[in-house]
Amino acid sequence: MGLLSKLFGGGKKQEVAAEGIALECPHSLLVPRWDSVQDMGIEDKATRFLCEACKEEFDPAAAAELRATLAQRLARIDSDADGAGGAGA
């Protein structure tokens, strides 16, 4: 039993360390949702969009803005991560 706890117990230290890191969701996977069954599959008739990563919902206008600015937001998040990683190394 002691061997198993040594093998599998080390992950808890990593989980605790990761809790202190705040990650910004890029909202890169927005899934359309509809209020009417007849509208399903027609993205222009979607009433809201759900981010698969963080489960936040957006109206169609906000989803369009997020999709239009995705590349810039991902680049900013990547540069922020590089800056944080470089400072600690």
PDB file of N, CA and C in Angstrom:
ATOM      1  N   MET A   1       0.817  -1.187   0.000  1.00  0.00           N
ATOM      2  CA  MET A   1       0.000   0.000   0.000  1.00  0.00           C
ATOM      3  C   MET A   1       0.862   1.252   0.000  1.00  0.00           C
ATOM      4  N   GLY A   2       1.950   1.241   0.745  1.00  0.00           N
ATOM      5  CA  GLY A   2       2.846   2.388   0.800  1.00  0.00           C
ATOM      6  C   GLY A   2       3.462   2.685  -0.551  1.00  0.00           C
ATOM      7  N   LEU A   3       3.765   1.639  -1.298  1.00  0.00           N
ATOM      8  CA  LEU A   3       4.344   1.812  -2.632  1.00  0.00           C
ATOM      9  C   LEU A   3       3.339   2.465  -3.568  1.00  0.00           C
ATOM     10  N   LEU A   4       2.074   2.019  -3.512  1.00  0.00           N
ATOM     11  CA  LEU A   4       1.046   2.611  -4.380  1.00  0.00           C
ATOM     12  C   LEU A   4       0.817   4.081  -4.051  1.00  0.00           C
ATOM     13  N   SER A   5       0.817   4.416  -2.764  1.00  0.00           N
ATOM     14  CA  SER A   5       0.609   5.820  -2.412  1.00  0.00           C
ATOM     15  C   SER A   5       1.778   6.677  -2.870  1.00  0.00           C
ATOM     16  N   LYS A   6       2.974   6.098  -2.847  1.00  0.00           N
ATOM     17  CA  LYS A   6       4.129   6.839  -3.355  1.00  0.00           C
ATOM     18  C   LYS A   6       4.023   7.028  -4.862  1.00  0.00           C
ATOM     19  N   LEU A   7       3.557   5.989  -5.556  1.00  0.00           N
ATOM     20  CA  LEU A   7       3.446   6.075  -7.013  1.00  0.00           C
ATOM     21  C   LEU A   7       2.341   7.031  -7.440  1.00  0.00           C
ATOM     22  N   PHE A   8       1.197   6.956  -6.785  1.00  0.00           N
ATOM     23  CA  PHE A   8       0.040   7.723  -7.225  1.00  0.00           C
ATOM     24  C   PHE A   8      -0.220   8.972  -6.390  1.00  0.00           C
ATOM     25  N   GLY A   9       0.423   9.104  -5.258  1.00  0.00           N
ATOM     26  CA  GLY A   9       0.195  10.259  -4.392  1.00  0.00           C
ATOM     27  C   GLY A   9       0.920  11.509  -4.853  1.00  0.00           C
ATOM     28  N   GLY A  10       1.951  11.378  -5.682  1.00  0.00           N
ATOM     29  CA  GLY A  10       2.716  12.533  -6.135  1.00  0.00           C
ATOM     30  C   GLY A  10       1.901  13.488  -6.982  1.00  0.00           C
ATOM     31  N   GLY A  11       0.868  13.006  -7.653  1.00  0.00           N
ATOM     32  CA  GLY A  11       0.039  13.855  -8.499  1.00  0.00           C
ATOM     33  C   GLY A  11      -0.702  14.919  -7.718  1.00  0.00           C
ATOM     34  N   LYS A  12      -0.975  14.664  -6.455  1.00  0.00           N
ATOM     35  CA  LYS A  12      -1.694  15.635  -5.635  1.00  0.00           C
ATOM     36  C   LYS A  12      -0.886  16.914  -5.476  1.00  0.00           C
ATOM     37  N   LYS A  13       0.427  16.802  -5.371  1.00  0.00           N
ATOM     38  CA  LYS A  13       1.272  17.982  -5.252  1.00  0.00           C
ATOM     39  C   LYS A  13       1.161  18.831  -6.513  1.00  0.00           C
ATOM     40  N   GLN A  14       1.116  18.180  -7.665  1.00  0.00           N
ATOM     41  CA  GLN A  14       1.002  18.913  -8.924  1.00  0.00           C
ATOM     42  C   GLN A  14      -0.361  19.584  -9.043  1.00  0.00           C
ATOM     43  N   GLU A  15      -1.423  18.920  -8.591  1.00  0.00           N
ATOM     44  CA  GLU A  15      -2.762  19.504  -8.643  1.00  0.00           C
ATOM     45  C   GLU A  15      -2.833  20.757  -7.788  1.00  0.00           C
ATOM     46  N   VAL A  16      -2.257  20.725  -6.611  1.00  0.00           N
ATOM     47  CA  VAL A  16      -2.267  21.876  -5.718  1.00  0.00           C
ATOM     48  C   VAL A  16      -1.495  23.025  -6.355  1.00  0.00           C
ATOM     49  N   ALA A  17      -0.363  22.739  -6.983  1.00  0.00           N
ATOM     50  CA  ALA A  17       0.427  23.782  -7.632  1.00  0.00           C
ATOM     51  C   ALA A  17      -0.334  24.391  -8.795  1.00  0.00           C
ATOM     52  N   ALA A  18      -1.076  23.599  -9.537  1.00  0.00           N
ATOM     53  CA  ALA A  18      -1.805  24.096 -10.700  1.00  0.00           C
ATOM     54  C   ALA A  18      -3.001  24.953 -10.307  1.00  0.00           C
ATOM     55  N   GLU A  19      -3.539  24.778  -9.118  1.00  0.00           N
ATOM     56  CA  GLU A  19      -4.695  25.557  -8.682  1.00  0.00           C
ATOM     57  C   GLU A  19      -4.374  27.044  -8.585  1.00  0.00           C
ATOM     58  N   GLY A  20      -3.133  27.394  -8.328  1.00  0.00           N
ATOM     59  CA  GLY A  20      -2.743  28.785  -8.178  1.00  0.00           C
ATOM     60  C   GLY A  20      -2.589  29.516  -9.500  1.00  0.00           C
ATOM     61  N   ILE A  21      -2.655  28.801 -10.619  1.00  0.00           N
ATOM     62  CA  ILE A  21      -2.473  29.403 -11.939  1.00  0.00           C
ATOM     63  C   ILE A  21      -3.835  29.739 -12.521  1.00  0.00           C
ATOM     64  N   ALA A  22      -4.056  31.007 -12.829  1.00  0.00           N
ATOM     65  CA  ALA A  22      -5.320  31.439 -13.432  1.00  0.00           C
ATOM     66  C   ALA A  22      -5.184  31.381 -14.952  1.00  0.00           C
ATOM     67  N   LEU A  23      -6.019  30.586 -15.587  1.00  0.00           N
ATOM     68  CA  LEU A  23      -5.982  30.456 -17.032  1.00  0.00           C
ATOM     69  C   LEU A  23      -7.179  31.173 -17.642  1.00  0.00           C
ATOM     70  N   GLU A  24      -6.922  31.888 -18.722  1.00  0.00           N
ATOM     71  CA  GLU A  24      -7.982  32.587 -19.436  1.00  0.00           C
ATOM     72  C   GLU A  24      -8.495  31.675 -20.541  1.00  0.00           C
ATOM     73  N   CYS A  25      -9.796  31.453 -20.565  1.00  0.00           N
ATOM     74  CA  CYS A  25     -10.384  30.607 -21.595  1.00  0.00           C
ATOM     75  C   CYS A  25     -10.406  31.383 -22.909  1.00  0.00           C
ATOM     76  N   PRO A  26      -9.899  30.800 -23.994  1.00  0.00           N
ATOM     77  CA  PRO A  26      -9.913  31.496 -25.283  1.00  0.00           C
ATOM     78  C   PRO A  26     -11.255  31.408 -26.003  1.00  0.00           C
ATOM     79  N   HIS A  27     -12.188  30.638 -25.472  1.00  0.00           N
ATOM     80  CA  HIS A  27     -13.505  30.440 -26.091  1.00  0.00           C
ATOM     81  C   HIS A  27     -13.341  30.078 -27.568  1.00  0.00           C
ATOM     82  N   SER A  28     -12.490  29.103 -27.834  1.00  0.00           N
ATOM     83  CA  SER A  28     -12.185  28.744 -29.219  1.00  0.00           C
ATOM     84  C   SER A  28     -13.165  27.747 -29.823  1.00  0.00           C
ATOM     85  N   LEU A  29     -13.938  27.050 -28.997  1.00  0.00           N
ATOM     86  CA  LEU A  29     -14.905  26.090 -29.519  1.00  0.00           C
ATOM     87  C   LEU A  29     -16.301  26.485 -29.063  1.00  0.00           C
ATOM     88  N   LEU A  30     -16.978  27.257 -29.893  1.00  0.00           N
ATOM     89  CA  LEU A  30     -18.325  27.729 -29.587  1.00  0.00           C
ATOM     90  C   LEU A  30     -19.338  26.878 -30.331  1.00  0.00           C
ATOM     91  N   VAL A  31     -20.216  26.242 -29.582  1.00  0.00           N
ATOM     92  CA  VAL A  31     -21.210  25.333 -30.146  1.00  0.00           C
ATOM     93  C   VAL A  31     -22.568  26.032 -30.172  1.00  0.00           C
ATOM     94  N   PRO A  32     -23.206  26.086 -31.347  1.00  0.00           N
ATOM     95  CA  PRO A  32     -24.509  26.759 -31.428  1.00  0.00           C
ATOM     96  C   PRO A  32     -25.593  25.985 -30.693  1.00  0.00           C
ATOM     97  N   ARG A  33     -26.538  26.733 -30.134  1.00  0.00           N
ATOM     98  CA  ARG A  33     -27.716  26.179 -29.453  1.00  0.00           C
ATOM     99  C   ARG A  33     -28.947  26.879 -30.007  1.00  0.00           C
ATOM    100  N   TRP A  34     -30.034  26.134 -30.107  1.00  0.00           N
ATOM    101  CA  TRP A  34     -31.267  26.672 -30.674  1.00  0.00           C
ATOM    102  C   TRP A  34     -32.413  26.508 -29.683  1.00  0.00           C
ATOM    103  N   ASP A  35     -33.385  27.408 -29.765  1.00  0.00           N
ATOM    104  CA  ASP A  35     -34.590  27.305 -28.949  1.00  0.00           C
ATOM    105  C   ASP A  35     -35.669  26.495 -29.651  1.00  0.00           C
ATOM    106  N   SER A  36     -35.564  26.363 -30.962  1.00  0.00           N
ATOM    107  CA  SER A  36     -36.575  25.672 -31.745  1.00  0.00           C
ATOM    108  C   SER A  36     -35.946  24.478 -32.476  1.00  0.00           C
ATOM    109  N   VAL A  37     -36.622  23.351 -32.420  1.00  0.00           N
ATOM    110  CA  VAL A  37     -36.146  22.149 -33.101  1.00  0.00           C
ATOM    111  C   VAL A  37     -36.088  22.373 -34.616  1.00  0.00           C
ATOM    112  N   GLN A  38     -37.026  23.147 -35.142  1.00  0.00           N
ATOM    113  CA  GLN A  38     -37.066  23.406 -36.581  1.00  0.00           C
ATOM    114  C   GLN A  38     -35.843  24.190 -37.048  1.00  0.00           C
ATOM    115  N   ASP A  39     -35.225  24.961 -36.159  1.00  0.00           N
ATOM    116  CA  ASP A  39     -34.073  25.785 -36.525  1.00  0.00           C
ATOM    117  C   ASP A  39     -32.740  25.047 -36.378  1.00  0.00           C
ATOM    118  N   MET A  40     -32.764  23.889 -35.742  1.00  0.00           N
ATOM    119  CA  MET A  40     -31.517  23.156 -35.485  1.00  0.00           C
ATOM    120  C   MET A  40     -30.765  22.884 -36.777  1.00  0.00           C
ATOM    121  N   GLY A  41     -29.471  23.130 -36.727  1.00  0.00           N
ATOM    122  CA  GLY A  41     -28.611  22.915 -37.878  1.00  0.00           C
ATOM    123  C   GLY A  41     -28.411  24.165 -38.718  1.00  0.00           C
ATOM    124  N   ILE A  42     -29.220  25.181 -38.492  1.00  0.00           N
ATOM    125  CA  ILE A  42     -29.089  26.435 -39.224  1.00  0.00           C
ATOM    126  C   ILE A  42     -28.397  27.426 -38.280  1.00  0.00           C
ATOM    127  N   GLU A  43     -27.101  27.595 -38.463  1.00  0.00           N
ATOM    128  CA  GLU A  43     -26.319  28.380 -37.506  1.00  0.00           C
ATOM    129  C   GLU A  43     -26.796  29.830 -37.422  1.00  0.00           C
ATOM    130  N   ASP A  44     -27.304  30.386 -38.511  1.00  0.00           N
ATOM    131  CA  ASP A  44     -27.812  31.760 -38.487  1.00  0.00           C
ATOM    132  C   ASP A  44     -29.015  31.914 -37.558  1.00  0.00           C
ATOM    133  N   LYS A  45     -29.693  30.810 -37.244  1.00  0.00           N
ATOM    134  CA  LYS A  45     -30.861  30.859 -36.375  1.00  0.00           C
ATOM    135  C   LYS A  45     -30.547  30.431 -34.938  1.00  0.00           C
ATOM    136  N   ALA A  46     -29.262  30.219 -34.634  1.00  0.00           N
ATOM    137  CA  ALA A  46     -28.868  29.864 -33.274  1.00  0.00           C
ATOM    138  C   ALA A  46     -29.164  31.033 -32.341  1.00  0.00           C
ATOM    139  N   THR A  47     -29.674  30.730 -31.166  1.00  0.00           N
ATOM    140  CA  THR A  47     -30.034  31.774 -30.207  1.00  0.00           C
ATOM    141  C   THR A  47     -28.922  32.042 -29.202  1.00  0.00           C
ATOM    142  N   ARG A  48     -28.008  31.097 -29.052  1.00  0.00           N
ATOM    143  CA  ARG A  48     -26.888  31.259 -28.134  1.00  0.00           C
ATOM    144  C   ARG A  48     -25.785  30.285 -28.530  1.00  0.00           C
ATOM    145  N   PHE A  49     -24.588  30.527 -28.012  1.00  0.00           N
ATOM    146  CA  PHE A  49     -23.441  29.689 -28.292  1.00  0.00           C
ATOM    147  C   PHE A  49     -22.788  29.314 -26.971  1.00  0.00           C
ATOM    148  N   LEU A  50     -22.425  28.042 -26.833  1.00  0.00           N
ATOM    149  CA  LEU A  50     -21.847  27.522 -25.608  1.00  0.00           C
ATOM    150  C   LEU A  50     -20.373  27.228 -25.829  1.00  0.00           C
ATOM    151  N   CYS A  51     -19.513  27.761 -24.966  1.00  0.00           N
ATOM    152  CA  CYS A  51     -18.093  27.445 -25.018  1.00  0.00           C
ATOM    153  C   CYS A  51     -17.913  26.060 -24.405  1.00  0.00           C
ATOM    154  N   GLU A  52     -17.385  25.141 -25.169  1.00  0.00           N
ATOM    155  CA  GLU A  52     -17.209  23.769 -24.685  1.00  0.00           C
ATOM    156  C   GLU A  52     -16.187  23.678 -23.558  1.00  0.00           C
ATOM    157  N   ALA A  53     -15.228  24.590 -23.502  1.00  0.00           N
ATOM    158  CA  ALA A  53     -14.184  24.518 -22.488  1.00  0.00           C
ATOM    159  C   ALA A  53     -14.661  24.995 -21.119  1.00  0.00           C
ATOM    160  N   CYS A  54     -15.286  26.183 -21.074  1.00  0.00           N
ATOM    161  CA  CYS A  54     -15.645  26.758 -19.772  1.00  0.00           C
ATOM    162  C   CYS A  54     -17.146  26.780 -19.510  1.00  0.00           C
ATOM    163  N   LYS A  55     -17.934  26.363 -20.512  1.00  0.00           N
ATOM    164  CA  LYS A  55     -19.397  26.276 -20.412  1.00  0.00           C
ATOM    165  C   LYS A  55     -20.093  27.635 -20.296  1.00  0.00           C
ATOM    166  N   GLU A  56     -19.401  28.720 -20.654  1.00  0.00           N
ATOM    167  CA  GLU A  56     -20.031  30.040 -20.663  1.00  0.00           C
ATOM    168  C   GLU A  56     -20.852  30.181 -21.946  1.00  0.00           C
ATOM    169  N   GLU A  57     -22.002  30.861 -21.844  1.00  0.00           N
ATOM    170  CA  GLU A  57     -22.862  31.062 -23.008  1.00  0.00           C
ATOM    171  C   GLU A  57     -22.739  32.489 -23.521  1.00  0.00           C
ATOM    172  N   PHE A  58     -22.870  32.625 -24.856  1.00  0.00           N
ATOM    173  CA  PHE A  58     -22.762  33.918 -25.515  1.00  0.00           C
ATOM    174  C   PHE A  58     -23.926  34.094 -26.473  1.00  0.00           C
ATOM    175  N   ASP A  59     -24.363  35.342 -26.638  1.00  0.00           N
ATOM    176  CA  ASP A  59     -25.386  35.614 -27.643  1.00  0.00           C
ATOM    177  C   ASP A  59     -24.714  35.605 -29.021  1.00  0.00           C
ATOM    178  N   PRO A  60     -25.493  35.566 -30.109  1.00  0.00           N
ATOM    179  CA  PRO A  60     -24.895  35.466 -31.448  1.00  0.00           C
ATOM    180  C   PRO A  60     -23.908  36.591 -31.772  1.00  0.00           C
ATOM    181  N   ALA A  61     -24.192  37.821 -31.339  1.00  0.00           N
ATOM    182  CA  ALA A  61     -23.283  38.936 -31.628  1.00  0.00           C
ATOM    183  C   ALA A  61     -21.945  38.754 -30.904  1.00  0.00           C
ATOM    184  N   ALA A  62     -21.995  38.354 -29.648  1.00  0.00           N
ATOM    185  CA  ALA A  62     -20.768  38.132 -28.881  1.00  0.00           C
ATOM    186  C   ALA A  62     -19.979  36.960 -29.462  1.00  0.00           C
ATOM    187  N   ALA A  63     -20.680  35.910 -29.888  1.00  0.00           N
ATOM    188  CA  ALA A  63     -20.007  34.756 -30.493  1.00  0.00           C
ATOM    189  C   ALA A  63     -19.311  35.155 -31.791  1.00  0.00           C
ATOM    190  N   ALA A  64     -19.955  35.988 -32.590  1.00  0.00           N
ATOM    191  CA  ALA A  64     -19.346  36.456 -33.834  1.00  0.00           C
ATOM    192  C   ALA A  64     -18.087  37.264 -33.543  1.00  0.00           C
ATOM    193  N   GLU A  65     -18.136  38.109 -32.520  1.00  0.00           N
ATOM    194  CA  GLU A  65     -16.972  38.903 -32.129  1.00  0.00           C
ATOM    195  C   GLU A  65     -15.840  37.998 -31.628  1.00  0.00           C
ATOM    196  N   LEU A  66     -16.186  36.999 -30.829  1.00  0.00           N
ATOM    197  CA  LEU A  66     -15.165  36.067 -30.330  1.00  0.00           C
ATOM    198  C   LEU A  66     -14.516  35.301 -31.474  1.00  0.00           C
ATOM    199  N   ARG A  67     -15.300  34.873 -32.433  1.00  0.00           N
ATOM    200  CA  ARG A  67     -14.752  34.148 -33.579  1.00  0.00           C
ATOM    201  C   ARG A  67     -13.865  35.052 -34.433  1.00  0.00           C
ATOM    202  N   ALA A  68     -14.263  36.312 -34.575  1.00  0.00           N
ATOM    203  CA  ALA A  68     -13.494  37.241 -35.400  1.00  0.00           C
ATOM    204  C   ALA A  68     -12.147  37.598 -34.767  1.00  0.00           C
ATOM    205  N   THR A  69     -12.076  37.568 -33.452  1.00  0.00           N
ATOM    206  CA  THR A  69     -10.853  37.973 -32.759  1.00  0.00           C
ATOM    207  C   THR A  69     -10.080  36.794 -32.173  1.00  0.00           C
ATOM    208  N   LEU A  70     -10.440  35.583 -32.560  1.00  0.00           N
ATOM    209  CA  LEU A  70      -9.815  34.395 -31.969  1.00  0.00           C
ATOM    210  C   LEU A  70      -8.297  34.371 -32.164  1.00  0.00           C
ATOM    211  N   ALA A  71      -7.831  34.649 -33.365  1.00  0.00           N
ATOM    212  CA  ALA A  71      -6.386  34.592 -33.637  1.00  0.00           C
ATOM    213  C   ALA A  71      -5.614  35.572 -32.760  1.00  0.00           C
ATOM    214  N   GLN A  72      -6.122  36.797 -32.627  1.00  0.00           N
ATOM    215  CA  GLN A  72      -5.427  37.791 -31.795  1.00  0.00           C
ATOM    216  C   GLN A  72      -5.427  37.371 -30.325  1.00  0.00           C
ATOM    217  N   ARG A  73      -6.564  36.841 -29.833  1.00  0.00           N
ATOM    218  CA  ARG A  73      -6.635  36.432 -28.427  1.00  0.00           C
ATOM    219  C   ARG A  73      -5.718  35.256 -28.144  1.00  0.00           C
ATOM    220  N   LEU A  74      -5.643  34.300 -29.062  1.00  0.00           N
ATOM    221  CA  LEU A  74      -4.749  33.156 -28.869  1.00  0.00           C
ATOM    222  C   LEU A  74      -3.290  33.604 -28.882  1.00  0.00           C
ATOM    223  N   ALA A  75      -2.955  34.536 -29.767  1.00  0.00           N
ATOM    224  CA  ALA A  75      -1.584  35.052 -29.816  1.00  0.00           C
ATOM    225  C   ALA A  75      -1.232  35.769 -28.517  1.00  0.00           C
ATOM    226  N   ARG A  76      -2.187  36.550 -27.970  1.00  0.00           N
ATOM    227  CA  ARG A  76      -1.946  37.268 -26.714  1.00  0.00           C
ATOM    228  C   ARG A  76      -1.770  36.290 -25.557  1.00  0.00           C
ATOM    229  N   ILE A  77      -2.634  35.270 -25.509  1.00  0.00           N
ATOM    230  CA  ILE A  77      -2.531  34.270 -24.446  1.00  0.00           C
ATOM    231  C   ILE A  77      -1.199  33.537 -24.542  1.00  0.00           C
ATOM    232  N   ASP A  78      -0.773  33.219 -25.768  1.00  0.00           N
ATOM    233  CA  ASP A  78       0.493  32.532 -25.977  1.00  0.00           C
ATOM    234  C   ASP A  78       1.666  33.405 -25.559  1.00  0.00           C
ATOM    235  N   SER A  79       1.618  34.691 -25.907  1.00  0.00           N
ATOM    236  CA  SER A  79       2.711  35.585 -25.534  1.00  0.00           C
ATOM    237  C   SER A  79       2.738  35.811 -24.020  1.00  0.00           C
ATOM    238  N   ASP A  80       1.561  35.866 -23.383  1.00  0.00           N
ATOM    239  CA  ASP A  80       1.507  35.982 -21.928  1.00  0.00           C
ATOM    240  C   ASP A  80       2.109  34.753 -21.266  1.00  0.00           C
ATOM    241  N   ALA A  81       1.839  33.583 -21.811  1.00  0.00           N
ATOM    242  CA  ALA A  81       2.375  32.345 -21.250  1.00  0.00           C
ATOM    243  C   ALA A  81       3.889  32.292 -21.432  1.00  0.00           C
ATOM    244  N   ASP A  82       4.366  32.744 -22.581  1.00  0.00           N
ATOM    245  CA  ASP A  82       5.816  32.765 -22.815  1.00  0.00           C
ATOM    246  C   ASP A  82       6.514  33.728 -21.860  1.00  0.00           C
ATOM    247  N   GLY A  83       5.889  34.863 -21.625  1.00  0.00           N
ATOM    248  CA  GLY A  83       6.462  35.853 -20.710  1.00  0.00           C
ATOM    249  C   GLY A  83       6.501  35.355 -19.297  1.00  0.00           C
ATOM    250  N   ALA A  84       5.466  34.670 -18.856  1.00  0.00           N
ATOM    251  CA  ALA A  84       5.418  34.146 -17.494  1.00  0.00           C
ATOM    252  C   ALA A  84       6.401  33.002 -17.328  1.00  0.00           C
ATOM    253  N   GLY A  85       6.526  32.167 -18.352  1.00  0.00           N
ATOM    254  CA  GLY A  85       7.442  31.031 -18.273  1.00  0.00           C
ATOM    255  C   GLY A  85       8.889  31.474 -18.329  1.00  0.00           C
ATOM    256  N   GLY A  86       9.164  32.523 -19.115  1.00  0.00           N
ATOM    257  CA  GLY A  86      10.529  33.006 -19.242  1.00  0.00           C
ATOM    258  C   GLY A  86      11.002  33.714 -17.999  1.00  0.00           C
ATOM    259  N   ALA A  87      10.086  34.359 -17.278  1.00  0.00           N
ATOM    260  CA  ALA A  87      10.469  35.097 -16.086  1.00  0.00           C
ATOM    261  C   ALA A  87      10.858  34.160 -14.954  1.00  0.00           C
ATOM    262  N   GLY A  88      10.201  33.004 -14.876  1.00  0.00           N
ATOM    263  CA  GLY A  88      10.484  32.070 -13.795  1.00  0.00           C
ATOM    264  C   GLY A  88      11.661  31.168 -14.079  1.00  0.00           C
ATOM    265  N   ALA A  89      12.107  31.093 -15.334  1.00  0.00           N
ATOM    266  CA  ALA A  89      13.209  30.186 -15.694  1.00  0.00           C
ATOM    267  C   ALA A  89      14.535  30.830 -15.506  1.00  0.00           C
TER     268      ALA A  89
END
